[in-house]
Protein backbone atom coordinates (compact mmCIF):
# COMPACT_ATOMS: atom_id res chain seq x y z
CA MET A 1 273.97 69.62 125.48
CA ALA A 2 272.68 71.91 128.22
CA THR A 3 269.13 73.18 128.48
CA ASP A 4 268.46 76.88 127.84
CA PRO A 5 267.48 78.31 131.27
CA VAL A 6 265.13 80.87 129.70
CA CYS A 7 262.92 78.78 127.40
CA GLY A 8 263.87 75.16 128.19
CA MET A 9 265.03 74.27 124.68
CA LYS A 10 268.43 72.71 123.99
CA GLY A 11 271.23 75.26 124.34
CA ASN A 12 273.74 76.02 121.60
CA LYS A 13 277.45 75.94 122.53
CA ASP A 14 277.98 79.02 120.33
CA ILE A 15 275.60 81.19 122.37
CA GLU A 16 276.69 81.41 125.99
CA SER A 17 276.83 83.66 129.00
CA GLU A 18 278.55 83.33 132.36
CA TYR A 19 277.09 84.06 135.77
CA LYS A 20 278.90 83.51 139.08
CA GLY A 21 281.56 81.42 137.36
CA LYS A 22 279.11 79.05 135.64
CA LYS A 23 278.47 79.01 131.89
CA TYR A 24 274.93 78.90 130.54
CA TYR A 25 274.01 78.04 126.95
CA PHE A 26 271.10 79.38 124.93
CA CYS A 27 269.08 78.42 121.85
CA CYS A 28 269.23 81.98 120.45
CA GLU A 29 270.52 85.49 121.09
CA HIS A 30 267.12 86.64 122.36
CA CYS A 31 267.23 84.13 125.25
CA ARG A 32 270.82 85.10 126.08
CA GLU A 33 269.83 88.77 126.22
CA GLU A 34 266.86 87.99 128.50
CA PHE A 35 269.15 85.99 130.80
CA ASP A 36 271.74 88.78 130.94
CA LYS A 37 269.08 91.32 131.97
CA ASN A 38 268.17 89.31 135.09
CA PRO A 39 270.24 86.14 135.63
CA VAL A 40 268.92 85.63 139.18
CA LYS A 41 265.45 84.99 137.75
CA TYR A 42 266.78 82.05 135.71
CA THR A 43 269.29 80.53 138.15
CA ARG A 44 267.13 79.84 141.20
């Protein structure tokens, strides 16, 4: 399982977002929303 790029916890396959053709997985909706606001911050 992938690591949530926002908080570092284990990501959930049911909560995902895509940025520049790559999928990212999140532990919760809050982290997904934070990522979507500024994906560059979390993909460096």
